Structure formats: C-alpha cells, structure tokens
Amino acid sequence: MYQTIGENIAIIGIYDHGYFKPKKMQWHKQIFPIDQICSTHDFKDGAVKKRRFSVMSGSTLYLIEFNRDLETWILQQLWVE
C-alpha cells in the first residue's frame, strides 16, 4: 500500500538531451540512489506546473514531485508492503 509522506527532499540528477533524470534522493539525511525511473508525468495544479516521477530505489517505489515554479522537490508517497 502507498504511504503518504509529503516532505521536502533534495534531488541530484543530470540533463540528458534536454530532459532531467533524477539520480539520487536525500531524505532524512540519507542518500537513496535512484535505480530506475518508472514513469514521468507533467501536470498543472491550478496555475502551478509540476512534474511527477515514479522511481525505484532498491526494492522501494517512490513518488516524487518537482514544483517547476518554485523549483522544489517533495516526496509524495512510497510503497510499503
């Protein structure tokens, strides 16, 4: 089941042919390598442009969101067994 988190995180990534790819995530002073990007979705929350990534780190699935106006990252959810 998904657990809602809603906390700010830090992301390290690269630009590849004009597209940003997250590579590492820092949450609670721990670094989580991003092994796989499962999906990417652009959307608007009112007038605010956002980009949502579903990523794997180890065997855990994370839903992270980038606020394109404020340039901030939030860990929205993670999958727990």
N, C-alpha and C. Protein backbone atom coordinates (compact mmCIF):
# COMPACT_ATOMS: atom_id res chain seq x y z
N MET A 1 0.83 -1.18 0.00
CA MET A 1 0.00 0.00 0.00
C MET A 1 0.88 1.24 0.00
N TYR A 2 0.34 2.33 -0.51
CA TYR A 2 1.07 3.59 -0.54
C TYR A 2 0.96 4.29 0.81
N GLN A 3 2.08 4.87 1.25
CA GLN A 3 2.10 5.68 2.46
C GLN A 3 2.36 7.12 2.01
N THR A 4 1.51 8.04 2.40
CA THR A 4 1.67 9.45 2.04
C THR A 4 2.72 10.08 2.95
N ILE A 5 3.68 10.78 2.35
CA ILE A 5 4.76 11.41 3.10
C ILE A 5 4.63 12.94 3.06
N GLY A 6 4.71 13.55 1.87
CA GLY A 6 4.55 15.00 1.72
C GLY A 6 5.66 15.82 2.35
N GLU A 7 6.92 15.36 2.26
CA GLU A 7 8.05 16.07 2.84
C GLU A 7 9.02 16.55 1.77
N ASN A 8 9.67 17.67 2.05
CA ASN A 8 10.68 18.19 1.13
C ASN A 8 11.88 17.25 1.08
N ILE A 9 12.46 17.12 -0.10
CA ILE A 9 13.64 16.29 -0.31
C ILE A 9 14.60 17.05 -1.23
N ALA A 10 15.82 16.53 -1.33
CA ALA A 10 16.81 17.06 -2.27
C ALA A 10 17.06 16.01 -3.33
N ILE A 11 17.23 16.45 -4.56
CA ILE A 11 17.46 15.55 -5.69
C ILE A 11 18.73 15.96 -6.42
N ILE A 12 19.52 14.96 -6.80
CA ILE A 12 20.67 15.16 -7.67
C ILE A 12 20.35 14.43 -8.96
N GLY A 13 20.60 15.08 -10.09
CA GLY A 13 20.31 14.45 -11.36
C GLY A 13 21.14 15.02 -12.49
N ILE A 14 20.82 14.57 -13.68
CA ILE A 14 21.52 15.02 -14.88
C ILE A 14 20.48 15.41 -15.94
N TYR A 15 20.93 16.23 -16.88
CA TYR A 15 20.12 16.51 -18.05
C TYR A 15 20.64 15.66 -19.20
N ASP A 16 19.74 14.94 -19.83
CA ASP A 16 20.09 14.07 -20.95
C ASP A 16 19.19 14.44 -22.12
N HIS A 17 19.78 15.08 -23.14
CA HIS A 17 19.04 15.53 -24.32
C HIS A 17 17.86 16.43 -23.94
N GLY A 18 18.09 17.32 -22.99
CA GLY A 18 17.08 18.29 -22.60
C GLY A 18 16.09 17.81 -21.56
N TYR A 19 16.19 16.57 -21.11
CA TYR A 19 15.27 16.03 -20.10
C TYR A 19 16.03 15.74 -18.81
N PHE A 20 15.45 16.16 -17.68
CA PHE A 20 16.07 15.93 -16.39
C PHE A 20 15.82 14.50 -15.92
N LYS A 21 16.87 13.85 -15.45
CA LYS A 21 16.77 12.48 -14.91
C LYS A 21 17.30 12.48 -13.49
N PRO A 22 16.43 12.26 -12.49
CA PRO A 22 16.91 12.18 -11.11
C PRO A 22 17.79 10.94 -10.93
N LYS A 23 18.91 11.11 -10.19
CA LYS A 23 19.85 10.01 -9.97
C LYS A 23 19.98 9.63 -8.50
N LYS A 24 19.83 10.61 -7.59
CA LYS A 24 19.90 10.36 -6.15
C LYS A 24 18.90 11.24 -5.43
N MET A 25 18.41 10.72 -4.29
CA MET A 25 17.45 11.45 -3.48
C MET A 25 17.97 11.49 -2.05
N GLN A 26 17.89 12.67 -1.41
CA GLN A 26 18.25 12.79 0.00
C GLN A 26 16.99 13.04 0.80
N TRP A 27 16.74 12.17 1.77
CA TRP A 27 15.55 12.27 2.62
C TRP A 27 15.97 11.87 4.03
N HIS A 28 15.69 12.71 5.00
CA HIS A 28 16.09 12.48 6.41
C HIS A 28 17.58 12.19 6.52
N LYS A 29 18.38 12.97 5.82
CA LYS A 29 19.85 12.89 5.84
C LYS A 29 20.40 11.56 5.33
N GLN A 30 19.58 10.80 4.61
CA GLN A 30 20.03 9.57 3.97
C GLN A 30 20.00 9.77 2.46
N ILE A 31 20.95 9.15 1.77
CA ILE A 31 21.02 9.21 0.32
C ILE A 31 20.47 7.90 -0.25
N PHE A 32 19.54 8.03 -1.19
CA PHE A 32 18.94 6.88 -1.85
C PHE A 32 19.27 6.95 -3.34
N PRO A 33 20.03 6.01 -3.87
CA PRO A 33 20.29 6.02 -5.32
C PRO A 33 19.01 5.66 -6.07
N ILE A 34 18.76 6.35 -7.16
CA ILE A 34 17.59 6.05 -7.99
C ILE A 34 18.04 5.08 -9.07
N ASP A 35 17.55 3.85 -8.95
CA ASP A 35 17.96 2.79 -9.86
C ASP A 35 17.18 2.80 -11.17
N GLN A 36 15.93 3.25 -11.10
CA GLN A 36 15.08 3.21 -12.29
C GLN A 36 14.01 4.29 -12.22
N ILE A 37 13.77 4.96 -13.35
CA ILE A 37 12.64 5.88 -13.47
C ILE A 37 11.53 5.09 -14.15
N CYS A 38 10.44 4.87 -13.42
CA CYS A 38 9.33 4.05 -13.94
C CYS A 38 8.38 4.86 -14.81
N SER A 39 8.12 6.11 -14.41
CA SER A 39 7.24 6.96 -15.21
C SER A 39 7.49 8.43 -14.89
N THR A 40 7.10 9.28 -15.83
CA THR A 40 7.19 10.73 -15.68
C THR A 40 5.88 11.32 -16.17
N HIS A 41 5.37 12.31 -15.44
CA HIS A 41 4.08 12.89 -15.79
C HIS A 41 4.09 14.39 -15.51
N ASP A 42 3.82 15.20 -16.51
CA ASP A 42 3.68 16.65 -16.34
C ASP A 42 2.21 16.98 -16.14
N PHE A 43 1.94 17.92 -15.21
CA PHE A 43 0.55 18.33 -14.97
C PHE A 43 0.54 19.71 -14.35
N LYS A 44 -0.64 20.28 -14.23
CA LYS A 44 -0.82 21.57 -13.58
C LYS A 44 -1.68 21.40 -12.34
N ASP A 45 -1.25 22.04 -11.26
CA ASP A 45 -2.02 22.12 -10.03
C ASP A 45 -2.50 23.56 -9.94
N GLY A 46 -3.65 23.83 -10.50
CA GLY A 46 -4.08 25.21 -10.69
C GLY A 46 -3.22 25.82 -11.78
N ALA A 47 -2.50 26.90 -11.44
CA ALA A 47 -1.60 27.53 -12.40
C ALA A 47 -0.16 27.05 -12.25
N VAL A 48 0.09 26.19 -11.26
CA VAL A 48 1.45 25.74 -10.95
C VAL A 48 1.80 24.51 -11.79
N LYS A 49 2.90 24.61 -12.54
CA LYS A 49 3.37 23.49 -13.35
C LYS A 49 4.18 22.54 -12.47
N LYS A 50 3.89 21.25 -12.59
CA LYS A 50 4.59 20.24 -11.80
C LYS A 50 4.97 19.06 -12.68
N ARG A 51 6.00 18.34 -12.24
CA ARG A 51 6.42 17.11 -12.91
C ARG A 51 6.55 16.04 -11.83
N ARG A 52 5.91 14.92 -12.07
CA ARG A 52 5.90 13.83 -11.10
C ARG A 52 6.66 12.64 -11.68
N PHE A 53 7.53 12.07 -10.86
CA PHE A 53 8.32 10.89 -11.23
C PHE A 53 7.96 9.74 -10.31
N SER A 54 7.83 8.57 -10.88
CA SER A 54 7.75 7.33 -10.11
C SER A 54 9.11 6.67 -10.28
N VAL A 55 9.82 6.45 -9.15
CA VAL A 55 11.19 5.95 -9.22
C VAL A 55 11.40 4.78 -8.27
N MET A 56 12.35 3.92 -8.61
CA MET A 56 12.73 2.79 -7.76
C MET A 56 14.09 3.06 -7.15
N SER A 57 14.20 2.77 -5.85
CA SER A 57 15.48 2.76 -5.16
C SER A 57 15.51 1.45 -4.38
N GLY A 58 16.38 0.54 -4.83
CA GLY A 58 16.34 -0.81 -4.25
C GLY A 58 15.01 -1.45 -4.61
N SER A 59 14.30 -1.95 -3.60
CA SER A 59 13.00 -2.58 -3.86
C SER A 59 11.83 -1.67 -3.47
N THR A 60 12.11 -0.38 -3.21
CA THR A 60 11.08 0.56 -2.79
C THR A 60 10.71 1.49 -3.93
N LEU A 61 9.42 1.70 -4.11
CA LEU A 61 8.90 2.61 -5.13
C LEU A 61 8.55 3.94 -4.47
N TYR A 62 9.04 5.03 -5.04
CA TYR A 62 8.80 6.38 -4.52
C TYR A 62 8.08 7.22 -5.58
N LEU A 63 7.21 8.09 -5.11
CA LEU A 63 6.56 9.07 -5.98
C LEU A 63 7.09 10.43 -5.56
N ILE A 64 7.90 11.05 -6.44
CA ILE A 64 8.49 12.35 -6.14
C ILE A 64 7.94 13.39 -7.11
N GLU A 65 7.86 14.63 -6.63
CA GLU A 65 7.23 15.68 -7.42
C GLU A 65 8.08 16.94 -7.42
N PHE A 66 8.25 17.51 -8.61
CA PHE A 66 9.01 18.75 -8.78
C PHE A 66 8.05 19.88 -9.09
N ASN A 67 8.08 20.93 -8.25
CA ASN A 67 7.30 22.13 -8.50
C ASN A 67 8.13 23.00 -9.43
N ARG A 68 7.71 23.14 -10.67
CA ARG A 68 8.50 23.83 -11.69
C ARG A 68 8.51 25.35 -11.48
N ASP A 69 7.56 25.88 -10.73
CA ASP A 69 7.54 27.32 -10.45
C ASP A 69 8.46 27.66 -9.28
N LEU A 70 8.39 26.89 -8.19
CA LEU A 70 9.21 27.16 -7.00
C LEU A 70 10.55 26.43 -7.04
N GLU A 71 10.69 25.47 -7.97
CA GLU A 71 11.89 24.64 -8.09
C GLU A 71 12.19 23.91 -6.79
N THR A 72 11.17 23.25 -6.26
CA THR A 72 11.30 22.45 -5.04
C THR A 72 10.85 21.02 -5.31
N TRP A 73 11.40 20.09 -4.53
CA TRP A 73 11.07 18.67 -4.64
C TRP A 73 10.34 18.21 -3.39
N ILE A 74 9.35 17.33 -3.59
CA ILE A 74 8.60 16.75 -2.48
C ILE A 74 8.48 15.25 -2.69
N LEU A 75 8.73 14.50 -1.63
CA LEU A 75 8.45 13.07 -1.63
C LEU A 75 6.98 12.92 -1.29
N GLN A 76 6.17 12.58 -2.27
CA GLN A 76 4.72 12.49 -2.04
C GLN A 76 4.31 11.18 -1.38
N GLN A 77 4.82 10.06 -1.93
CA GLN A 77 4.40 8.74 -1.43
C GLN A 77 5.52 7.74 -1.57
N LEU A 78 5.41 6.67 -0.81
CA LEU A 78 6.26 5.50 -1.03
C LEU A 78 5.42 4.25 -0.83
N TRP A 79 5.85 3.19 -1.48
CA TRP A 79 5.13 1.93 -1.41
C TRP A 79 5.70 1.08 -0.29
N VAL A 80 4.84 0.65 0.62
CA VAL A 80 5.27 -0.23 1.72
C VAL A 80 4.46 -1.52 1.67
N GLU A 81 5.14 -2.61 1.94
CA GLU A 81 4.48 -3.92 1.94
C GLU A 81 3.85 -4.20 3.28
